[in-house]
Amino acid sequence: MSESIYPVATQDFARKRRELAPAIQDAFHAFSELVFADGALPAKTKQLIAVAAAHITQCPYCIKGHTRVAIKQGANPKEIMEAIWVAAEMRAGGAYAHSAISLTTINEEQQRHEP
């Protein structure tokens, strides 16, 4: 059985979100449009950032959607893959950087148990 835990995104879900909170849906849509519009960063760059962020947050809907839009904005497969590698490094880098917490705790525990 290859059923996914993630339901397929459908117009029914979009309609239901709108019905349940139309003002918030409209505000979110306006915010999204503004965020991804050309500005100090071009729209293509913003979509590559979104592809990377989607991989860090591990949202399959965002990965698929922002990859599609990145391609529409002119991103090529190599640019998309490099953005994904940036995400992978950032995710791994967080674990590496936070190792300082464990190393500090190890040191504190060793000092606490010294005779």
N, C-alpha and C. Protein backbone atom coordinates (compact mmCIF):
# COMPACT_ATOMS: atom_id res chain seq x y z
N MET A 1 0.85 -1.18 0.00
CA MET A 1 0.00 0.00 0.00
C MET A 1 0.90 1.24 0.00
N SER A 2 0.70 2.12 -0.95
CA SER A 2 1.54 3.30 -1.06
C SER A 2 0.76 4.59 -0.81
N GLU A 3 -0.15 4.54 0.12
CA GLU A 3 -0.94 5.71 0.46
C GLU A 3 -0.07 6.73 1.19
N SER A 4 -0.20 7.99 0.81
CA SER A 4 0.57 9.05 1.43
C SER A 4 -0.19 9.63 2.62
N ILE A 5 0.56 10.08 3.60
CA ILE A 5 -0.06 10.76 4.73
C ILE A 5 -0.57 12.14 4.31
N TYR A 6 -0.02 12.66 3.21
CA TYR A 6 -0.40 13.98 2.72
C TYR A 6 -1.52 13.85 1.70
N PRO A 7 -2.69 14.45 1.96
CA PRO A 7 -3.74 14.39 0.95
C PRO A 7 -3.35 15.23 -0.26
N VAL A 8 -3.88 14.86 -1.40
CA VAL A 8 -3.62 15.61 -2.62
C VAL A 8 -4.26 16.99 -2.48
N ALA A 9 -3.51 18.03 -2.82
CA ALA A 9 -4.06 19.39 -2.77
C ALA A 9 -5.13 19.51 -3.84
N THR A 10 -6.31 19.93 -3.44
CA THR A 10 -7.42 20.05 -4.38
C THR A 10 -8.10 21.40 -4.25
N GLN A 11 -8.91 21.71 -5.23
CA GLN A 11 -9.71 22.94 -5.17
C GLN A 11 -10.71 22.87 -4.00
N ASP A 12 -11.15 21.67 -3.64
CA ASP A 12 -12.06 21.53 -2.51
C ASP A 12 -11.42 22.02 -1.22
N PHE A 13 -10.14 21.68 -1.01
CA PHE A 13 -9.44 22.16 0.19
C PHE A 13 -9.29 23.68 0.15
N ALA A 14 -8.95 24.20 -1.01
CA ALA A 14 -8.80 25.66 -1.15
C ALA A 14 -10.13 26.36 -0.86
N ARG A 15 -11.20 25.81 -1.40
CA ARG A 15 -12.52 26.38 -1.18
C ARG A 15 -12.90 26.32 0.31
N LYS A 16 -12.60 25.22 0.95
CA LYS A 16 -12.94 25.06 2.37
C LYS A 16 -12.16 26.05 3.23
N ARG A 17 -10.86 26.22 2.93
CA ARG A 17 -10.06 27.21 3.68
C ARG A 17 -10.68 28.59 3.53
N ARG A 18 -11.08 28.94 2.30
CA ARG A 18 -11.67 30.24 2.04
C ARG A 18 -13.00 30.40 2.79
N GLU A 19 -13.83 29.37 2.77
CA GLU A 19 -15.12 29.41 3.46
C GLU A 19 -14.95 29.60 4.97
N LEU A 20 -13.97 28.92 5.54
CA LEU A 20 -13.79 28.96 6.99
C LEU A 20 -13.16 30.25 7.50
N ALA A 21 -12.35 30.91 6.65
CA ALA A 21 -11.69 32.14 7.10
C ALA A 21 -11.37 33.03 5.89
N PRO A 22 -12.40 33.60 5.26
CA PRO A 22 -12.17 34.33 4.02
C PRO A 22 -11.26 35.55 4.17
N ALA A 23 -11.41 36.31 5.21
CA ALA A 23 -10.58 37.52 5.37
C ALA A 23 -9.12 37.14 5.56
N ILE A 24 -8.87 36.11 6.33
CA ILE A 24 -7.49 35.67 6.56
C ILE A 24 -6.92 35.09 5.27
N GLN A 25 -7.72 34.33 4.54
CA GLN A 25 -7.27 33.78 3.26
C GLN A 25 -6.89 34.90 2.30
N ASP A 26 -7.71 35.93 2.23
CA ASP A 26 -7.42 37.06 1.35
C ASP A 26 -6.13 37.77 1.78
N ALA A 27 -5.97 37.97 3.08
CA ALA A 27 -4.77 38.64 3.59
C ALA A 27 -3.52 37.80 3.31
N PHE A 28 -3.63 36.50 3.49
CA PHE A 28 -2.49 35.62 3.23
C PHE A 28 -2.12 35.66 1.75
N HIS A 29 -3.12 35.62 0.89
CA HIS A 29 -2.87 35.65 -0.55
C HIS A 29 -2.20 36.98 -0.95
N ALA A 30 -2.69 38.08 -0.41
CA ALA A 30 -2.10 39.39 -0.72
C ALA A 30 -0.66 39.45 -0.22
N PHE A 31 -0.42 38.93 0.98
CA PHE A 31 0.92 38.90 1.56
C PHE A 31 1.85 38.09 0.67
N SER A 32 1.39 36.91 0.26
CA SER A 32 2.20 36.03 -0.59
C SER A 32 2.53 36.70 -1.92
N GLU A 33 1.54 37.33 -2.53
CA GLU A 33 1.77 38.03 -3.80
C GLU A 33 2.84 39.10 -3.64
N LEU A 34 2.77 39.86 -2.57
CA LEU A 34 3.73 40.93 -2.32
C LEU A 34 5.12 40.37 -2.04
N VAL A 35 5.20 39.34 -1.23
CA VAL A 35 6.49 38.74 -0.88
C VAL A 35 7.22 38.23 -2.12
N PHE A 36 6.50 37.59 -3.03
CA PHE A 36 7.15 36.96 -4.17
C PHE A 36 7.24 37.84 -5.42
N ALA A 37 6.80 39.09 -5.31
CA ALA A 37 6.91 40.01 -6.44
C ALA A 37 8.36 40.48 -6.58
N ASP A 38 8.72 40.90 -7.79
CA ASP A 38 10.04 41.50 -8.00
C ASP A 38 10.21 42.67 -7.04
N GLY A 39 11.37 42.77 -6.46
CA GLY A 39 11.69 43.87 -5.56
C GLY A 39 13.19 44.01 -5.52
N ALA A 40 13.76 44.17 -4.35
CA ALA A 40 15.22 44.20 -4.22
C ALA A 40 15.81 42.88 -4.73
N LEU A 41 15.05 41.81 -4.56
CA LEU A 41 15.42 40.50 -5.13
C LEU A 41 14.46 40.20 -6.27
N PRO A 42 14.97 39.66 -7.37
CA PRO A 42 14.06 39.26 -8.45
C PRO A 42 13.20 38.07 -8.03
N ALA A 43 12.03 37.96 -8.67
CA ALA A 43 11.09 36.89 -8.34
C ALA A 43 11.72 35.50 -8.45
N LYS A 44 12.57 35.29 -9.44
CA LYS A 44 13.24 33.99 -9.59
C LYS A 44 14.08 33.66 -8.36
N THR A 45 14.85 34.63 -7.88
CA THR A 45 15.67 34.40 -6.69
C THR A 45 14.80 34.09 -5.48
N LYS A 46 13.70 34.81 -5.35
CA LYS A 46 12.78 34.55 -4.23
C LYS A 46 12.23 33.13 -4.30
N GLN A 47 11.94 32.66 -5.50
CA GLN A 47 11.43 31.30 -5.63
C GLN A 47 12.50 30.27 -5.32
N LEU A 48 13.74 30.54 -5.68
CA LEU A 48 14.83 29.62 -5.32
C LEU A 48 15.01 29.58 -3.80
N ILE A 49 14.88 30.73 -3.15
CA ILE A 49 14.92 30.76 -1.68
C ILE A 49 13.76 29.93 -1.12
N ALA A 50 12.58 30.08 -1.72
CA ALA A 50 11.41 29.34 -1.26
C ALA A 50 11.60 27.83 -1.44
N VAL A 51 12.22 27.42 -2.54
CA VAL A 51 12.49 25.99 -2.75
C VAL A 51 13.40 25.48 -1.64
N ALA A 52 14.45 26.25 -1.34
CA ALA A 52 15.36 25.84 -0.26
C ALA A 52 14.64 25.79 1.08
N ALA A 53 13.88 26.83 1.38
CA ALA A 53 13.14 26.87 2.66
C ALA A 53 12.13 25.73 2.74
N ALA A 54 11.49 25.41 1.64
CA ALA A 54 10.52 24.32 1.64
C ALA A 54 11.18 22.98 1.97
N HIS A 55 12.41 22.81 1.51
CA HIS A 55 13.13 21.58 1.85
C HIS A 55 13.53 21.56 3.32
N ILE A 56 13.84 22.72 3.88
CA ILE A 56 14.19 22.77 5.30
C ILE A 56 12.95 22.50 6.15
N THR A 57 11.81 23.09 5.78
CA THR A 57 10.59 22.86 6.54
C THR A 57 9.94 21.53 6.19
N GLN A 58 10.41 20.91 5.11
CA GLN A 58 9.95 19.61 4.64
C GLN A 58 8.45 19.58 4.32
N CYS A 59 8.00 20.65 3.67
CA CYS A 59 6.60 20.73 3.24
C CYS A 59 6.50 20.26 1.80
N PRO A 60 5.90 19.09 1.57
CA PRO A 60 5.83 18.57 0.20
C PRO A 60 5.02 19.47 -0.73
N TYR A 61 4.00 20.11 -0.21
CA TYR A 61 3.20 21.01 -1.04
C TYR A 61 4.04 22.21 -1.49
N CYS A 62 4.81 22.76 -0.56
CA CYS A 62 5.66 23.92 -0.87
C CYS A 62 6.79 23.52 -1.82
N ILE A 63 7.37 22.35 -1.60
CA ILE A 63 8.45 21.89 -2.48
C ILE A 63 7.94 21.83 -3.92
N LYS A 64 6.81 21.18 -4.11
CA LYS A 64 6.26 21.01 -5.46
C LYS A 64 5.84 22.36 -6.04
N GLY A 65 5.10 23.14 -5.28
CA GLY A 65 4.58 24.41 -5.78
C GLY A 65 5.68 25.41 -6.11
N HIS A 66 6.64 25.58 -5.20
CA HIS A 66 7.69 26.57 -5.44
C HIS A 66 8.68 26.10 -6.50
N THR A 67 8.86 24.78 -6.64
CA THR A 67 9.70 24.28 -7.73
C THR A 67 9.05 24.62 -9.07
N ARG A 68 7.75 24.40 -9.17
CA ARG A 68 7.03 24.74 -10.41
C ARG A 68 7.15 26.23 -10.73
N VAL A 69 6.92 27.08 -9.72
CA VAL A 69 6.97 28.52 -9.96
C VAL A 69 8.40 28.96 -10.27
N ALA A 70 9.38 28.37 -9.60
CA ALA A 70 10.78 28.71 -9.90
C ALA A 70 11.09 28.44 -11.37
N ILE A 71 10.63 27.31 -11.88
CA ILE A 71 10.83 26.98 -13.29
C ILE A 71 10.14 28.02 -14.17
N LYS A 72 8.90 28.38 -13.81
CA LYS A 72 8.17 29.40 -14.58
C LYS A 72 8.89 30.75 -14.55
N GLN A 73 9.61 31.02 -13.45
CA GLN A 73 10.34 32.29 -13.31
C GLN A 73 11.71 32.22 -14.00
N GLY A 74 12.03 31.07 -14.59
CA GLY A 74 13.27 30.96 -15.35
C GLY A 74 14.39 30.18 -14.68
N ALA A 75 14.14 29.61 -13.52
CA ALA A 75 15.16 28.81 -12.85
C ALA A 75 15.37 27.51 -13.62
N ASN A 76 16.61 27.09 -13.69
CA ASN A 76 16.90 25.82 -14.37
C ASN A 76 17.15 24.73 -13.33
N PRO A 77 17.17 23.48 -13.76
CA PRO A 77 17.34 22.38 -12.80
C PRO A 77 18.62 22.48 -11.96
N LYS A 78 19.71 22.96 -12.53
CA LYS A 78 20.95 23.09 -11.76
C LYS A 78 20.81 24.14 -10.66
N GLU A 79 20.14 25.25 -10.96
CA GLU A 79 19.92 26.28 -9.93
C GLU A 79 19.03 25.74 -8.81
N ILE A 80 18.00 25.01 -9.18
CA ILE A 80 17.09 24.44 -8.19
C ILE A 80 17.84 23.45 -7.31
N MET A 81 18.66 22.58 -7.91
CA MET A 81 19.40 21.60 -7.13
C MET A 81 20.41 22.28 -6.21
N GLU A 82 21.07 23.34 -6.69
CA GLU A 82 22.00 24.06 -5.82
C GLU A 82 21.26 24.70 -4.64
N ALA A 83 20.08 25.22 -4.88
CA ALA A 83 19.28 25.78 -3.78
C ALA A 83 18.96 24.69 -2.76
N ILE A 84 18.64 23.49 -3.25
CA ILE A 84 18.35 22.37 -2.35
C ILE A 84 19.60 21.98 -1.56
N TRP A 85 20.77 22.01 -2.20
CA TRP A 85 22.01 21.71 -1.47
C TRP A 85 22.31 22.77 -0.42
N VAL A 86 21.97 24.02 -0.71
CA VAL A 86 22.13 25.07 0.31
C VAL A 86 21.23 24.74 1.51
N ALA A 87 20.01 24.32 1.22
CA ALA A 87 19.10 23.93 2.30
C ALA A 87 19.66 22.77 3.12
N ALA A 88 20.20 21.78 2.43
CA ALA A 88 20.77 20.62 3.12
C ALA A 88 21.93 21.04 4.02
N GLU A 89 22.78 21.93 3.52
CA GLU A 89 23.91 22.39 4.33
C GLU A 89 23.43 23.17 5.55
N MET A 90 22.42 24.01 5.35
CA MET A 90 21.90 24.80 6.46
C MET A 90 21.27 23.90 7.52
N ARG A 91 20.56 22.89 7.08
CA ARG A 91 19.94 21.95 8.03
C ARG A 91 21.02 21.19 8.79
N ALA A 92 22.02 20.70 8.08
CA ALA A 92 23.13 19.99 8.73
C ALA A 92 23.94 20.95 9.59
N GLY A 93 24.12 22.16 9.10
CA GLY A 93 24.87 23.16 9.86
C GLY A 93 24.24 23.47 11.20
N GLY A 94 22.92 23.46 11.25
CA GLY A 94 22.23 23.70 12.51
C GLY A 94 22.54 22.62 13.53
N ALA A 95 22.53 21.37 13.09
CA ALA A 95 22.88 20.26 13.99
C ALA A 95 24.33 20.39 14.45
N TYR A 96 25.21 20.71 13.53
CA TYR A 96 26.63 20.87 13.85
C TYR A 96 26.82 22.01 14.86
N ALA A 97 26.20 23.15 14.61
CA ALA A 97 26.36 24.30 15.50
C ALA A 97 25.78 24.02 16.89
N HIS A 98 24.65 23.34 16.92
CA HIS A 98 24.01 23.05 18.21
C HIS A 98 24.73 21.97 19.00
N SER A 99 25.71 21.32 18.40
CA SER A 99 26.49 20.34 19.16
C SER A 99 27.19 21.02 20.33
N ALA A 100 27.37 22.33 20.25
CA ALA A 100 27.97 23.07 21.38
C ALA A 100 27.14 22.89 22.65
N ILE A 101 25.83 22.76 22.52
CA ILE A 101 24.97 22.55 23.69
C ILE A 101 25.29 21.21 24.33
N SER A 102 25.40 20.15 23.52
CA SER A 102 25.75 18.84 24.06
C SER A 102 27.15 18.85 24.65
N LEU A 103 28.09 19.45 23.95
CA LEU A 103 29.47 19.48 24.46
C LEU A 103 29.55 20.24 25.78
N THR A 104 28.81 21.33 25.91
CA THR A 104 28.77 22.07 27.17
C THR A 104 28.15 21.23 28.28
N THR A 105 27.06 20.52 27.95
CA THR A 105 26.39 19.67 28.93
C THR A 105 27.30 18.53 29.36
N ILE A 106 28.00 17.93 28.42
CA ILE A 106 28.97 16.86 28.76
C ILE A 106 30.00 17.40 29.73
N ASN A 107 30.54 18.56 29.43
CA ASN A 107 31.55 19.17 30.30
C ASN A 107 30.98 19.45 31.69
N GLU A 108 29.78 20.00 31.75
CA GLU A 108 29.15 20.30 33.05
C GLU A 108 28.92 19.02 33.85
N GLU A 109 28.46 17.97 33.18
CA GLU A 109 28.20 16.71 33.88
C GLU A 109 29.49 16.07 34.36
N GLN A 110 30.53 16.14 33.56
CA GLN A 110 31.81 15.59 33.98
C GLN A 110 32.36 16.35 35.19
N GLN A 111 32.23 17.66 35.18
CA GLN A 111 32.70 18.47 36.31
C GLN A 111 31.86 18.18 37.56
N ARG A 112 30.58 17.97 37.38
CA ARG A 112 29.68 17.70 38.51
C ARG A 112 30.01 16.38 39.18
N HIS A 113 30.51 15.43 38.42
CA HIS A 113 30.78 14.09 38.95
C HIS A 113 32.24 13.87 39.28
N GLU A 114 33.06 14.90 39.19
CA GLU A 114 34.47 14.75 39.56
C GLU A 114 34.59 14.70 41.09
N PRO A 115 35.53 13.87 41.58
CA PRO A 115 35.68 13.76 43.04
C PRO A 115 36.26 15.02 43.66
